[in-house]
PDB file of N, CA and C in Angstrom:
ATOM      1  N   UNK A   1      72.323 -36.249   6.391  1.00  0.00           N
ATOM      2  CA  UNK A   1      71.226 -35.642   5.435  1.00  0.00           C
ATOM      3  C   UNK A   1      71.513 -36.371   4.028  1.00  0.00           C
ATOM      4  N   UNK A   2      70.626 -36.907   3.422  1.00  0.00           N
ATOM      5  CA  UNK A   2      70.702 -37.351   1.847  1.00  0.00           C
ATOM      6  C   UNK A   2      71.435 -36.285   0.897  1.00  0.00           C
ATOM      7  N   UNK A   3      71.960 -36.780  -0.068  1.00  0.00           N
ATOM      8  CA  UNK A   3      72.388 -35.628  -1.098  1.00  0.00           C
ATOM      9  C   UNK A   3      71.320 -35.148  -1.587  1.00  0.00           C
ATOM     10  N   UNK A   4      71.171 -33.834  -1.921  1.00  0.00           N
ATOM     11  CA  UNK A   4      70.019 -33.143  -2.678  1.00  0.00           C
ATOM     12  C   UNK A   4      68.862 -32.758  -1.861  1.00  0.00           C
ATOM     13  N   UNK A   5      69.059 -33.504  -0.368  1.00  0.00           N
ATOM     14  CA  UNK A   5      67.988 -33.184   0.493  1.00  0.00           C
ATOM     15  C   UNK A   5      68.066 -31.850   0.990  1.00  0.00           C
ATOM     16  N   UNK A   6      66.898 -30.994   1.337  1.00  0.00           N
ATOM     17  CA  UNK A   6      67.155 -29.749   1.841  1.00  0.00           C
ATOM     18  C   UNK A   6      66.706 -29.710   3.414  1.00  0.00           C
ATOM     19  N   UNK A   7      67.317 -28.742   4.099  1.00  0.00           N
ATOM     20  CA  UNK A   7      66.908 -28.624   5.560  1.00  0.00           C
ATOM     21  C   UNK A   7      66.869 -27.271   5.864  1.00  0.00           C
ATOM     22  N   UNK A   8      66.854 -27.196   7.388  1.00  0.00           N
ATOM     23  CA  UNK A   8      66.608 -25.717   8.036  1.00  0.00           C
ATOM     24  C   UNK A   8      67.863 -25.036   7.392  1.00  0.00           C
ATOM     25  N   UNK A   9      69.114 -25.430   7.404  1.00  0.00           N
ATOM     26  CA  UNK A   9      70.305 -24.634   6.869  1.00  0.00           C
ATOM     27  C   UNK A   9      70.137 -23.970   5.275  1.00  0.00           C
ATOM     28  N   UNK A  10      69.182 -24.579   4.577  1.00  0.00           N
ATOM     29  CA  UNK A  10      68.918 -24.080   3.239  1.00  0.00           C
ATOM     30  C   UNK A  10      67.873 -22.873   3.464  1.00  0.00           C
ATOM     31  N   UNK A  11      67.484 -22.558   4.509  1.00  0.00           N
ATOM     32  CA  UNK A  11      66.383 -21.593   4.503  1.00  0.00           C
ATOM     33  C   UNK A  11      66.781 -19.976   5.164  1.00  0.00           C
ATOM     34  N   UNK A  12      66.441 -18.827   4.388  1.00  0.00           N
ATOM     35  CA  UNK A  12      66.862 -17.878   4.885  1.00  0.00           C
ATOM     36  C   UNK A  12      65.834 -16.856   4.602  1.00  0.00           C
ATOM     37  N   UNK A  13      65.867 -15.902   5.736  1.00  0.00           N
ATOM     38  CA  UNK A  13      64.549 -14.966   5.440  1.00  0.00           C
ATOM     39  C   UNK A  13      65.256 -13.472   5.201  1.00  0.00           C
ATOM     40  N   UNK A  14      64.758 -12.877   4.218  1.00  0.00           N
ATOM     41  CA  UNK A  14      65.325 -11.514   3.611  1.00  0.00           C
ATOM     42  C   UNK A  14      64.202 -10.464   3.715  1.00  0.00           C
ATOM     43  N   UNK A  15      64.585  -9.510   4.293  1.00  0.00           N
ATOM     44  CA  UNK A  15      63.507  -8.289   4.084  1.00  0.00           C
ATOM     45  C   UNK A  15      63.962  -7.424   3.355  1.00  0.00           C
ATOM     46  N   UNK A  16      63.272  -7.006   2.211  1.00  0.00           N
ATOM     47  CA  UNK A  16      63.769  -6.280   1.127  1.00  0.00           C
ATOM     48  C   UNK A  16      63.362  -4.625   1.636  1.00  0.00           C
ATOM     49  N   UNK A  17      64.014  -3.770   1.454  1.00  0.00           N
ATOM     50  CA  UNK A  17      63.634  -2.406   1.654  1.00  0.00           C
ATOM     51  C   UNK A  17      64.297  -1.368   0.668  1.00  0.00           C
ATOM     52  N   UNK A  18      63.483  -0.323   0.070  1.00  0.00           N
ATOM     53  CA  UNK A  18      64.223   0.473  -0.645  1.00  0.00           C
ATOM     54  C   UNK A  18      65.148   1.351   0.018  1.00  0.00           C
ATOM     55  N   UNK A  19      65.912   2.023  -0.855  1.00  0.00           N
ATOM     56  CA  UNK A  19      66.810   3.105  -0.163  1.00  0.00           C
ATOM     57  C   UNK A  19      66.285   3.940   0.801  1.00  0.00           C
ATOM     58  N   UNK A  20      65.048   4.634   0.683  1.00  0.00           N
ATOM     59  CA  UNK A  20      64.312   5.401   1.480  1.00  0.00           C
ATOM     60  C   UNK A  20      63.451   4.833   2.547  1.00  0.00           C
ATOM     61  N   UNK A  21      63.536   3.525   2.668  1.00  0.00           N
ATOM     62  CA  UNK A  21      62.538   2.983   3.563  1.00  0.00           C
ATOM     63  C   UNK A  21      63.508   2.263   4.841  1.00  0.00           C
ATOM     64  N   UNK A  22      62.664   2.028   5.950  1.00  0.00           N
ATOM     65  CA  UNK A  22      63.502   1.410   6.968  1.00  0.00           C
ATOM     66  C   UNK A  22      62.464   0.477   7.586  1.00  0.00           C
ATOM     67  N   UNK A  23      63.095  -0.574   8.549  1.00  0.00           N
ATOM     68  CA  UNK A  23      62.192  -1.452   9.351  1.00  0.00           C
ATOM     69  C   UNK A  23      61.237  -0.392  10.442  1.00  0.00           C
ATOM     70  N   UNK A  24      60.203  -0.988  10.542  1.00  0.00           N
ATOM     71  CA  UNK A  24      59.423  -0.591  11.536  1.00  0.00           C
ATOM     72  C   UNK A  24      59.683  -1.016  12.903  1.00  0.00           C
ATOM     73  N   UNK A  25      59.425  -0.564  14.021  1.00  0.00           N
ATOM     74  CA  UNK A  25      59.559  -1.364  15.185  1.00  0.00           C
ATOM     75  C   UNK A  25      59.009  -2.714  15.213  1.00  0.00           C
ATOM     76  N   UNK A  26      57.739  -3.051  14.856  1.00  0.00           N
ATOM     77  CA  UNK A  26      57.192  -4.123  14.803  1.00  0.00           C
ATOM     78  C   UNK A  26      58.007  -5.388  13.829  1.00  0.00           C
ATOM     79  N   UNK A  27      58.523  -4.815  12.767  1.00  0.00           N
ATOM     80  CA  UNK A  27      59.431  -5.795  12.127  1.00  0.00           C
ATOM     81  C   UNK A  27      60.541  -5.911  12.831  1.00  0.00           C
ATOM     82  N   UNK A  28      61.266  -4.916  13.150  1.00  0.00           N
ATOM     83  CA  UNK A  28      62.376  -5.202  13.837  1.00  0.00           C
ATOM     84  C   UNK A  28      62.405  -5.995  15.080  1.00  0.00           C
ATOM     85  N   UNK A  29      61.143  -6.040  15.872  1.00  0.00           N
ATOM     86  CA  UNK A  29      60.967  -6.909  16.935  1.00  0.00           C
ATOM     87  C   UNK A  29      60.587  -8.373  16.533  1.00  0.00           C
ATOM     88  N   UNK A  30      60.001  -8.528  15.519  1.00  0.00           N
ATOM     89  CA  UNK A  30      59.661  -9.839  14.839  1.00  0.00           C
ATOM     90  C   UNK A  30      61.002 -10.656  14.620  1.00  0.00           C
ATOM     91  N   UNK A  31      61.827  -9.767  13.724  1.00  0.00           N
ATOM     92  CA  UNK A  31      62.914 -10.323  13.491  1.00  0.00           C
ATOM     93  C   UNK A  31      64.046 -10.927  14.423  1.00  0.00           C
ATOM     94  N   UNK A  32      64.251  -9.981  15.325  1.00  0.00           N
ATOM     95  CA  UNK A  32      65.030 -10.177  16.436  1.00  0.00           C
ATOM     96  C   UNK A  32      64.458 -11.399  17.604  1.00  0.00           C
ATOM     97  N   UNK A  33      62.916 -11.192  17.599  1.00  0.00           N
ATOM     98  CA  UNK A  33      62.453 -12.469  18.667  1.00  0.00           C
ATOM     99  C   UNK A  33      62.819 -13.983  17.775  1.00  0.00           C
ATOM    100  N   UNK A  34      62.443 -13.867  16.500  1.00  0.00           N
ATOM    101  CA  UNK A  34      62.434 -14.918  16.033  1.00  0.00           C
ATOM    102  C   UNK A  34      63.898 -15.568  15.396  1.00  0.00           C
ATOM    103  N   UNK A  35      64.818 -14.647  15.498  1.00  0.00           N
ATOM    104  CA  UNK A  35      66.291 -15.064  15.522  1.00  0.00           C
ATOM    105  C   UNK A  35      66.699 -15.593  16.621  1.00  0.00           C
ATOM    106  N   UNK A  36      66.469 -14.820  17.858  1.00  0.00           N
ATOM    107  CA  UNK A  36      66.836 -15.518  19.159  1.00  0.00           C
ATOM    108  C   UNK A  36      66.133 -16.544  19.638  1.00  0.00           C
ATOM    109  N   UNK A  37      64.932 -16.768  19.550  1.00  0.00           N
ATOM    110  CA  UNK A  37      64.005 -18.001  19.831  1.00  0.00           C
ATOM    111  C   UNK A  37      64.241 -19.319  19.130  1.00  0.00           C
ATOM    112  N   UNK A  38      64.055 -19.019  17.669  1.00  0.00           N
ATOM    113  CA  UNK A  38      63.996 -19.894  17.031  1.00  0.00           C
ATOM    114  C   UNK A  38      65.383 -20.161  16.096  1.00  0.00           C
ATOM    115  N   UNK A  39      66.271 -19.394  16.143  1.00  0.00           N
ATOM    116  CA  UNK A  39      67.484 -19.223  15.367  1.00  0.00           C
ATOM    117  C   UNK A  39      67.520 -19.244  13.986  1.00  0.00           C
ATOM    118  N   UNK A  40      66.390 -18.444  13.515  1.00  0.00           N
ATOM    119  CA  UNK A  40      66.224 -18.253  11.869  1.00  0.00           C
ATOM    120  C   UNK A  40      67.223 -17.263  11.517  1.00  0.00           C
ATOM    121  N   UNK A  41      67.832 -17.781  10.392  1.00  0.00           N
ATOM    122  CA  UNK A  41      68.676 -16.534   9.737  1.00  0.00           C
ATOM    123  C   UNK A  41      67.840 -15.794   8.997  1.00  0.00           C
ATOM    124  N   UNK A  42      68.305 -14.432   9.097  1.00  0.00           N
ATOM    125  CA  UNK A  42      67.660 -13.264   8.513  1.00  0.00           C
ATOM    126  C   UNK A  42      68.935 -12.458   7.990  1.00  0.00           C
ATOM    127  N   UNK A  43      68.365 -11.854   6.731  1.00  0.00           N
ATOM    128  CA  UNK A  43      69.064 -10.518   6.005  1.00  0.00           C
ATOM    129  C   UNK A  43      68.220  -9.602   5.885  1.00  0.00           C
ATOM    130  N   UNK A  44      68.739  -8.256   5.801  1.00  0.00           N
ATOM    131  CA  UNK A  44      68.038  -7.014   5.445  1.00  0.00           C
ATOM    132  C   UNK A  44      68.672  -6.699   4.146  1.00  0.00           C
ATOM    133  N   UNK A  45      68.021  -6.328   3.279  1.00  0.00           N
ATOM    134  CA  UNK A  45      68.600  -6.046   1.953  1.00  0.00           C
ATOM    135  C   UNK A  45      68.113  -4.649   1.538  1.00  0.00           C
ATOM    136  N   UNK A  46      68.943  -3.681   1.469  1.00  0.00           N
ATOM    137  CA  UNK A  46      68.480  -2.481   0.717  1.00  0.00           C
ATOM    138  C   UNK A  46      68.828  -2.471  -0.608  1.00  0.00           C
ATOM    139  N   UNK A  47      67.730  -1.954  -1.467  1.00  0.00           N
ATOM    140  CA  UNK A  47      67.921  -1.911  -2.730  1.00  0.00           C
ATOM    141  C   UNK A  47      67.939  -0.320  -3.358  1.00  0.00           C
ATOM    142  N   UNK A  48      69.225  -0.130  -4.209  1.00  0.00           N
ATOM    143  CA  UNK A  48      69.497   1.260  -4.575  1.00  0.00           C
ATOM    144  C   UNK A  48      68.852   1.207  -6.151  1.00  0.00           C
ATOM    145  N   UNK A  49      68.357   2.187  -6.640  1.00  0.00           N
ATOM    146  CA  UNK A  49      67.881   2.179  -7.958  1.00  0.00           C
ATOM    147  C   UNK A  49      69.367   2.735  -8.800  1.00  0.00           C
ATOM    148  N   UNK A  50      69.557   2.006  -9.857  1.00  0.00           N
ATOM    149  CA  UNK A  50      70.538   2.474 -10.825  1.00  0.00           C
ATOM    150  C   UNK A  50      69.970   3.575 -11.655  1.00  0.00           C
ATOM    151  N   UNK A  51      71.162   4.360 -12.455  1.00  0.00           N
ATOM    152  CA  UNK A  51      70.472   5.427 -13.230  1.00  0.00           C
ATOM    153  C   UNK A  51      69.846   4.984 -14.545  1.00  0.00           C
ATOM    154  N   UNK A  52      69.035   5.767 -15.182  1.00  0.00           N
ATOM    155  CA  UNK A  52      67.913   5.592 -15.843  1.00  0.00           C
ATOM    156  C   UNK A  52      68.977   4.996 -17.359  1.00  0.00           C
ATOM    157  N   UNK A  53      68.463   3.866 -18.018  1.00  0.00           N
ATOM    158  CA  UNK A  53      69.200   3.516 -19.037  1.00  0.00           C
ATOM    159  C   UNK A  53      68.928   3.960 -20.443  1.00  0.00           C
ATOM    160  N   UNK A  54      67.790   4.637 -20.661  1.00  0.00           N
ATOM    161  CA  UNK A  54      67.698   5.719 -21.801  1.00  0.00           C
ATOM    162  C   UNK A  54      66.293   6.013 -22.158  1.00  0.00           C
ATOM    163  N   UNK A  55      66.032   6.712 -22.980  1.00  0.00           N
ATOM    164  CA  UNK A  55      64.705   7.314 -23.048  1.00  0.00           C
ATOM    165  C   UNK A  55      63.813   6.054 -23.169  1.00  0.00           C
ATOM    166  N   UNK A  56      62.668   6.415 -22.067  1.00  0.00           N
ATOM    167  CA  UNK A  56      61.607   5.330 -22.062  1.00  0.00           C
ATOM    168  C   UNK A  56      61.855   4.037 -21.507  1.00  0.00           C
ATOM    169  N   UNK A  57      63.139   3.757 -21.029  1.00  0.00           N
ATOM    170  CA  UNK A  57      63.594   2.348 -20.467  1.00  0.00           C
ATOM    171  C   UNK A  57      63.299   2.544 -18.847  1.00  0.00           C
ATOM    172  N   UNK A  58      63.158   1.395 -18.408  1.00  0.00           N
ATOM    173  CA  UNK A  58      62.828   1.109 -16.791  1.00  0.00           C
ATOM    174  C   UNK A  58      64.168   1.276 -16.416  1.00  0.00           C
ATOM    175  N   UNK A  59      64.215   1.714 -15.072  1.00  0.00           N
ATOM    176  CA  UNK A  59      65.572   1.812 -14.238  1.00  0.00           C
ATOM    177  C   UNK A  59      65.925   0.469 -13.740  1.00  0.00           C
ATOM    178  N   UNK A  60      67.019   0.094 -13.931  1.00  0.00           N
ATOM    179  CA  UNK A  60      67.455  -1.204 -13.155  1.00  0.00           C
ATOM    180  C   UNK A  60      67.955  -1.048 -11.908  1.00  0.00           C
ATOM    181  N   UNK A  61      68.225  -1.987 -10.868  1.00  0.00           N
ATOM    182  CA  UNK A  61      68.639  -1.988  -9.755  1.00  0.00           C
ATOM    183  C   UNK A  61      70.136  -1.741  -9.752  1.00  0.00           C
ATOM    184  N   UNK A  62      70.665  -0.508  -9.395  1.00  0.00           N
ATOM    185  CA  UNK A  62      72.070  -0.427  -9.146  1.00  0.00           C
ATOM    186  C   UNK A  62      72.914  -1.237  -8.449  1.00  0.00           C
ATOM    187  N   UNK A  63      72.331  -1.362  -7.128  1.00  0.00           N
ATOM    188  CA  UNK A  63      73.175  -2.456  -6.199  1.00  0.00           C
ATOM    189  C   UNK A  63      72.091  -2.689  -5.089  1.00  0.00           C
ATOM    190  N   UNK A  64      72.610  -3.458  -4.224  1.00  0.00           N
ATOM    191  CA  UNK A  64      72.012  -4.154  -3.233  1.00  0.00           C
ATOM    192  C   UNK A  64      72.742  -4.318  -2.113  1.00  0.00           C
ATOM    193  N   UNK A  65      72.502  -3.900  -0.923  1.00  0.00           N
ATOM    194  CA  UNK A  65      73.432  -4.018   0.221  1.00  0.00           C
ATOM    195  C   UNK A  65      72.837  -4.915   1.390  1.00  0.00           C
ATOM    196  N   UNK A  66      73.551  -6.126   1.919  1.00  0.00           N
ATOM    197  CA  UNK A  66      72.674  -6.945   2.672  1.00  0.00           C
ATOM    198  C   UNK A  66      73.463  -6.945   4.215  1.00  0.00           C
ATOM    199  N   UNK A  67      72.725  -6.867   5.048  1.00  0.00           N
ATOM    200  CA  UNK A  67      73.270  -7.187   6.588  1.00  0.00           C
ATOM    201  C   UNK A  67      72.485  -8.445   7.010  1.00  0.00           C
ATOM    202  N   UNK A  68      73.331  -9.323   7.621  1.00  0.00           N
ATOM    203  CA  UNK A  68      72.714 -10.634   8.046  1.00  0.00           C
ATOM    204  C   UNK A  68      72.710 -10.564   9.738  1.00  0.00           C
ATOM    205  N   UNK A  69      71.833 -11.524   9.924  1.00  0.00           N
ATOM    206  CA  UNK A  69      71.603 -11.706  11.175  1.00  0.00           C
ATOM    207  C   UNK A  69      71.442 -13.139  11.499  1.00  0.00           C
ATOM    208  N   UNK A  70      72.527 -13.842  11.655  1.00  0.00           N
ATOM    209  CA  UNK A  70      72.516 -15.417  11.533  1.00  0.00           C
ATOM    210  C   UNK A  70      73.441 -15.939  12.760  1.00  0.00           C
TER     211      UNK A  70
END
């Protein structure tokens, strides 16, 4: 592959969920089937809110946890 060229190895699918959300059965089936049949790499990222920064400020993301299926 040419230097700087991109290929399938440079693609990754990430499903982002809040700390209180989870995959539906349809989402889980889609991920598993596409991973097994097409060998597509997947990650599931859980996003947790950080503490409030100060009066009137938005909350930032405290941390992100990822699980891979590759």
